[in-house]
N, C-alpha and C. Protein backbone atom coordinates (compact mmCIF):
# COMPACT_ATOMS: atom_id res chain seq x y z
N UNK A 1 19.24 11.26 -70.91
CA UNK A 1 18.68 11.67 -72.18
C UNK A 1 18.77 13.19 -72.27
N UNK A 2 19.12 13.70 -73.44
CA UNK A 2 19.29 15.14 -73.61
C UNK A 2 17.98 15.91 -73.45
N UNK A 3 16.86 15.24 -73.45
CA UNK A 3 15.58 15.94 -73.33
C UNK A 3 15.20 16.23 -71.88
N UNK A 4 15.96 15.75 -70.93
CA UNK A 4 15.62 15.98 -69.52
C UNK A 4 15.69 17.49 -69.22
N UNK A 5 14.66 18.04 -68.58
CA UNK A 5 14.66 19.46 -68.25
C UNK A 5 15.49 19.72 -66.99
N UNK A 6 16.73 20.10 -67.16
CA UNK A 6 17.67 20.26 -66.04
C UNK A 6 17.16 21.28 -65.03
N UNK A 7 16.59 22.38 -65.49
CA UNK A 7 16.08 23.38 -64.55
C UNK A 7 14.95 22.82 -63.68
N UNK A 8 14.11 21.95 -64.26
CA UNK A 8 13.06 21.31 -63.47
C UNK A 8 13.66 20.33 -62.45
N UNK A 9 14.73 19.66 -62.83
CA UNK A 9 15.42 18.78 -61.87
C UNK A 9 15.95 19.59 -60.70
N UNK A 10 16.54 20.74 -61.00
CA UNK A 10 17.05 21.60 -59.92
C UNK A 10 15.93 22.04 -58.98
N UNK A 11 14.80 22.42 -59.56
CA UNK A 11 13.66 22.85 -58.73
C UNK A 11 13.14 21.69 -57.88
N UNK A 12 13.11 20.50 -58.47
CA UNK A 12 12.65 19.33 -57.71
C UNK A 12 13.63 19.01 -56.59
N UNK A 13 14.92 19.13 -56.84
CA UNK A 13 15.90 18.89 -55.79
C UNK A 13 15.66 19.84 -54.62
N UNK A 14 15.38 21.10 -54.89
CA UNK A 14 15.09 22.05 -53.82
C UNK A 14 13.87 21.62 -53.01
N UNK A 15 12.82 21.14 -53.71
CA UNK A 15 11.62 20.66 -53.01
C UNK A 15 11.94 19.44 -52.15
N UNK A 16 12.73 18.52 -52.70
CA UNK A 16 13.11 17.31 -51.97
C UNK A 16 13.89 17.68 -50.72
N UNK A 17 14.89 18.53 -50.87
CA UNK A 17 15.73 18.88 -49.73
C UNK A 17 14.96 19.63 -48.65
N UNK A 18 13.99 20.42 -49.05
CA UNK A 18 13.20 21.18 -48.08
C UNK A 18 12.43 20.27 -47.14
N UNK A 19 12.17 19.05 -47.56
CA UNK A 19 11.41 18.11 -46.72
C UNK A 19 12.28 16.99 -46.16
N UNK A 20 13.58 17.08 -46.38
CA UNK A 20 14.49 16.00 -45.98
C UNK A 20 15.20 16.34 -44.67
N UNK A 21 14.85 15.65 -43.57
CA UNK A 21 15.45 15.97 -42.27
C UNK A 21 16.95 15.64 -42.18
N UNK A 22 17.47 14.80 -43.04
CA UNK A 22 18.89 14.45 -42.99
C UNK A 22 19.79 15.49 -43.65
N UNK A 23 19.22 16.39 -44.44
CA UNK A 23 20.01 17.42 -45.11
C UNK A 23 20.48 18.44 -44.07
N UNK A 24 21.73 18.85 -44.17
CA UNK A 24 22.29 19.80 -43.20
C UNK A 24 21.89 21.25 -43.46
N UNK A 25 21.16 21.50 -44.54
CA UNK A 25 20.69 22.85 -44.86
C UNK A 25 21.74 23.73 -45.49
N UNK A 26 22.90 23.19 -45.78
CA UNK A 26 24.00 24.01 -46.32
C UNK A 26 24.28 23.67 -47.78
N UNK A 27 25.01 22.61 -47.99
CA UNK A 27 25.48 22.28 -49.34
C UNK A 27 24.38 21.64 -50.17
N UNK A 28 24.22 22.15 -51.39
CA UNK A 28 23.33 21.50 -52.37
C UNK A 28 23.65 22.03 -53.76
N UNK A 29 23.63 21.13 -54.73
CA UNK A 29 23.88 21.50 -56.12
C UNK A 29 23.41 20.37 -57.03
N UNK A 30 23.03 20.73 -58.24
CA UNK A 30 22.74 19.76 -59.28
C UNK A 30 23.47 20.25 -60.52
N UNK A 31 24.36 19.40 -61.05
CA UNK A 31 25.20 19.79 -62.18
C UNK A 31 25.21 18.69 -63.23
N UNK A 32 25.28 19.09 -64.49
CA UNK A 32 25.51 18.14 -65.58
C UNK A 32 27.02 17.96 -65.66
N UNK A 33 27.48 16.77 -65.33
CA UNK A 33 28.93 16.54 -65.23
C UNK A 33 29.53 15.82 -66.43
N UNK A 34 28.68 15.26 -67.30
CA UNK A 34 29.22 14.57 -68.48
C UNK A 34 28.14 14.50 -69.53
N UNK A 35 28.56 14.36 -70.77
CA UNK A 35 27.64 14.19 -71.89
C UNK A 35 28.28 13.25 -72.89
N UNK A 36 27.50 12.29 -73.35
CA UNK A 36 27.96 11.37 -74.40
C UNK A 36 27.09 11.58 -75.62
N UNK A 37 27.25 10.72 -76.61
CA UNK A 37 26.44 10.86 -77.82
C UNK A 37 24.96 10.60 -77.57
N UNK A 38 24.61 9.90 -76.47
CA UNK A 38 23.22 9.57 -76.21
C UNK A 38 22.70 10.04 -74.86
N UNK A 39 23.56 10.35 -73.92
CA UNK A 39 23.11 10.63 -72.56
C UNK A 39 23.83 11.82 -71.95
N UNK A 40 23.24 12.32 -70.87
CA UNK A 40 23.94 13.26 -70.01
C UNK A 40 24.01 12.63 -68.63
N UNK A 41 25.00 13.02 -67.87
CA UNK A 41 25.14 12.54 -66.49
C UNK A 41 24.92 13.71 -65.56
N UNK A 42 24.03 13.51 -64.58
CA UNK A 42 23.70 14.56 -63.62
C UNK A 42 24.25 14.15 -62.27
N UNK A 43 24.91 15.09 -61.59
CA UNK A 43 25.45 14.84 -60.25
C UNK A 43 24.72 15.75 -59.28
N UNK A 44 24.31 15.16 -58.17
CA UNK A 44 23.63 15.91 -57.11
C UNK A 44 24.52 15.92 -55.88
N UNK A 45 24.69 17.09 -55.31
CA UNK A 45 25.45 17.25 -54.09
C UNK A 45 24.50 17.74 -53.00
N UNK A 46 24.55 17.10 -51.84
CA UNK A 46 23.76 17.53 -50.69
C UNK A 46 24.51 17.14 -49.43
N UNK A 47 24.63 18.07 -48.51
CA UNK A 47 25.39 17.83 -47.29
C UNK A 47 24.56 17.23 -46.18
N UNK A 48 25.24 16.45 -45.34
CA UNK A 48 24.63 15.84 -44.15
C UNK A 48 25.61 15.97 -43.00
N UNK A 49 25.14 15.70 -41.79
CA UNK A 49 25.97 15.88 -40.60
C UNK A 49 27.03 14.81 -40.42
N UNK A 50 26.79 13.60 -40.93
CA UNK A 50 27.78 12.53 -40.79
C UNK A 50 27.66 11.57 -41.97
N UNK A 51 28.60 10.64 -42.08
CA UNK A 51 28.64 9.75 -43.25
C UNK A 51 27.43 8.83 -43.34
N UNK A 52 26.93 8.37 -42.20
CA UNK A 52 25.74 7.51 -42.22
C UNK A 52 24.53 8.25 -42.75
N UNK A 53 24.34 9.48 -42.27
CA UNK A 53 23.24 10.30 -42.77
C UNK A 53 23.43 10.63 -44.24
N UNK A 54 24.68 10.87 -44.64
CA UNK A 54 24.96 11.21 -46.04
C UNK A 54 24.56 10.06 -46.97
N UNK A 55 24.86 8.83 -46.57
CA UNK A 55 24.49 7.68 -47.40
C UNK A 55 22.98 7.58 -47.53
N UNK A 56 22.28 7.66 -46.42
CA UNK A 56 20.82 7.57 -46.45
C UNK A 56 20.21 8.72 -47.23
N UNK A 57 20.76 9.91 -47.05
CA UNK A 57 20.28 11.08 -47.79
C UNK A 57 20.45 10.88 -49.29
N UNK A 58 21.60 10.37 -49.73
CA UNK A 58 21.82 10.11 -51.16
C UNK A 58 20.78 9.14 -51.70
N UNK A 59 20.52 8.08 -50.95
CA UNK A 59 19.52 7.10 -51.39
C UNK A 59 18.14 7.73 -51.49
N UNK A 60 17.76 8.50 -50.46
CA UNK A 60 16.44 9.15 -50.46
C UNK A 60 16.29 10.11 -51.64
N UNK A 61 17.31 10.92 -51.88
CA UNK A 61 17.26 11.87 -52.99
C UNK A 61 17.16 11.12 -54.31
N UNK A 62 17.99 10.11 -54.49
CA UNK A 62 17.99 9.34 -55.75
C UNK A 62 16.61 8.75 -56.02
N UNK A 63 16.01 8.12 -55.01
CA UNK A 63 14.70 7.51 -55.19
C UNK A 63 13.64 8.55 -55.54
N UNK A 64 13.68 9.69 -54.88
CA UNK A 64 12.67 10.71 -55.14
C UNK A 64 12.87 11.38 -56.50
N UNK A 65 14.11 11.54 -56.93
CA UNK A 65 14.36 12.13 -58.24
C UNK A 65 13.95 11.16 -59.35
N UNK A 66 14.20 9.87 -59.15
CA UNK A 66 13.75 8.88 -60.13
C UNK A 66 12.23 8.88 -60.21
N UNK A 67 11.57 8.93 -59.06
CA UNK A 67 10.10 8.97 -59.04
C UNK A 67 9.59 10.21 -59.79
N UNK A 68 10.25 11.36 -59.58
CA UNK A 68 9.88 12.58 -60.29
C UNK A 68 9.96 12.37 -61.80
N UNK A 69 11.06 11.78 -62.26
CA UNK A 69 11.20 11.53 -63.69
C UNK A 69 10.16 10.53 -64.19
N UNK A 70 9.92 9.49 -63.43
CA UNK A 70 8.92 8.50 -63.84
C UNK A 70 7.54 9.13 -63.99
N UNK A 71 7.18 10.01 -63.06
CA UNK A 71 5.85 10.60 -63.06
C UNK A 71 5.71 11.78 -64.01
N UNK A 72 6.73 12.62 -64.09
CA UNK A 72 6.61 13.86 -64.86
C UNK A 72 7.30 13.83 -66.22
N UNK A 73 8.35 13.04 -66.36
CA UNK A 73 9.12 13.03 -67.60
C UNK A 73 9.60 11.62 -67.95
N UNK A 74 8.70 10.66 -68.10
CA UNK A 74 9.14 9.29 -68.39
C UNK A 74 9.89 9.17 -69.72
N UNK A 75 9.64 10.09 -70.62
CA UNK A 75 10.33 10.05 -71.91
C UNK A 75 11.82 10.31 -71.78
N UNK A 76 12.26 10.81 -70.63
CA UNK A 76 13.68 11.12 -70.41
C UNK A 76 14.46 9.97 -69.79
N UNK A 77 13.77 8.93 -69.37
CA UNK A 77 14.45 7.80 -68.75
C UNK A 77 15.15 6.95 -69.81
N UNK A 78 16.20 6.23 -69.43
CA UNK A 78 16.95 5.43 -70.40
C UNK A 78 16.06 4.42 -71.10
N UNK A 79 16.34 4.25 -72.36
CA UNK A 79 15.61 3.27 -73.16
C UNK A 79 16.54 2.74 -74.24
N UNK A 80 16.25 1.56 -74.70
CA UNK A 80 17.02 0.97 -75.78
C UNK A 80 16.17 1.02 -77.03
N UNK A 81 16.77 1.53 -78.06
CA UNK A 81 16.04 1.63 -79.33
C UNK A 81 16.65 0.65 -80.32
N UNK A 82 15.81 0.07 -81.14
CA UNK A 82 16.30 -0.86 -82.16
C UNK A 82 15.50 -0.70 -83.43
N UNK A 83 16.01 -1.28 -84.46
CA UNK A 83 15.33 -1.24 -85.75
C UNK A 83 15.14 -2.66 -86.22
N UNK A 84 13.92 -3.02 -86.55
CA UNK A 84 13.61 -4.35 -87.05
C UNK A 84 13.51 -4.30 -88.57
N UNK A 85 14.06 -5.31 -89.20
CA UNK A 85 13.97 -5.39 -90.65
C UNK A 85 13.27 -6.69 -91.01
N UNK A 86 12.43 -6.64 -92.02
CA UNK A 86 11.64 -7.81 -92.43
C UNK A 86 12.32 -8.60 -93.54
N UNK A 87 13.59 -8.41 -93.77
CA UNK A 87 14.29 -9.13 -94.82
C UNK A 87 14.69 -10.52 -94.33
N UNK A 88 14.59 -11.50 -95.21
CA UNK A 88 14.99 -12.87 -94.89
C UNK A 88 16.37 -13.12 -95.48
N UNK A 89 17.22 -13.83 -94.76
CA UNK A 89 18.53 -14.18 -95.34
C UNK A 89 18.34 -14.97 -96.62
N UNK A 90 19.25 -14.80 -97.58
CA UNK A 90 19.13 -15.45 -98.89
C UNK A 90 19.07 -16.96 -98.78
N UNK A 91 19.80 -17.57 -97.86
CA UNK A 91 19.85 -19.03 -97.76
C UNK A 91 18.70 -19.60 -96.95
N UNK A 92 17.99 -18.79 -96.23
CA UNK A 92 16.93 -19.30 -95.35
C UNK A 92 15.64 -19.48 -96.15
N UNK A 93 14.94 -20.58 -95.91
CA UNK A 93 13.66 -20.76 -96.60
C UNK A 93 12.64 -19.75 -96.07
N UNK A 94 11.81 -19.26 -96.95
CA UNK A 94 10.78 -18.30 -96.55
C UNK A 94 9.52 -19.05 -96.14
N UNK A 95 8.85 -18.55 -95.11
CA UNK A 95 7.58 -19.18 -94.70
C UNK A 95 6.58 -19.09 -95.83
N UNK A 96 5.64 -20.03 -95.86
CA UNK A 96 4.60 -20.04 -96.90
C UNK A 96 3.86 -18.71 -96.92
N UNK A 97 3.66 -18.18 -98.12
CA UNK A 97 2.95 -16.92 -98.26
C UNK A 97 3.84 -15.70 -98.14
N UNK A 98 5.14 -15.87 -97.92
CA UNK A 98 6.08 -14.76 -97.78
C UNK A 98 7.01 -14.73 -98.99
N UNK A 99 7.35 -13.56 -99.46
CA UNK A 99 8.35 -13.43 -100.50
C UNK A 99 7.77 -13.51 -101.90
N UNK A 100 8.63 -13.84 -102.87
CA UNK A 100 8.26 -13.82 -104.28
C UNK A 100 7.34 -14.99 -104.61
N UNK A 101 6.48 -14.76 -105.59
CA UNK A 101 5.55 -15.82 -106.03
C UNK A 101 6.32 -16.85 -106.81
N UNK A 102 5.90 -18.16 -106.72
CA UNK A 102 6.58 -19.21 -107.48
C UNK A 102 5.86 -19.49 -108.76
């Protein structure tokens, strides 16, 4: 969602990495890598000493960043919006008490 505060995400990533023992202490970045008509895509980079640690580190970061959004910015999480209309199709019978008087 375009309302996500990217600078706050970057600050949270720094807090997460500071407490993450699997992080190698070197590589880290948070970038907006794509934008569509409704969403932005954020990519997080964080280095680890080996591929097993890197996988676990990615999972840990993802979970903690989602938790951050859930707790601090739930309005930024994906949602489906729809519009309901109260019109009845012309051929369909209207329930009693609905529509034009007879």
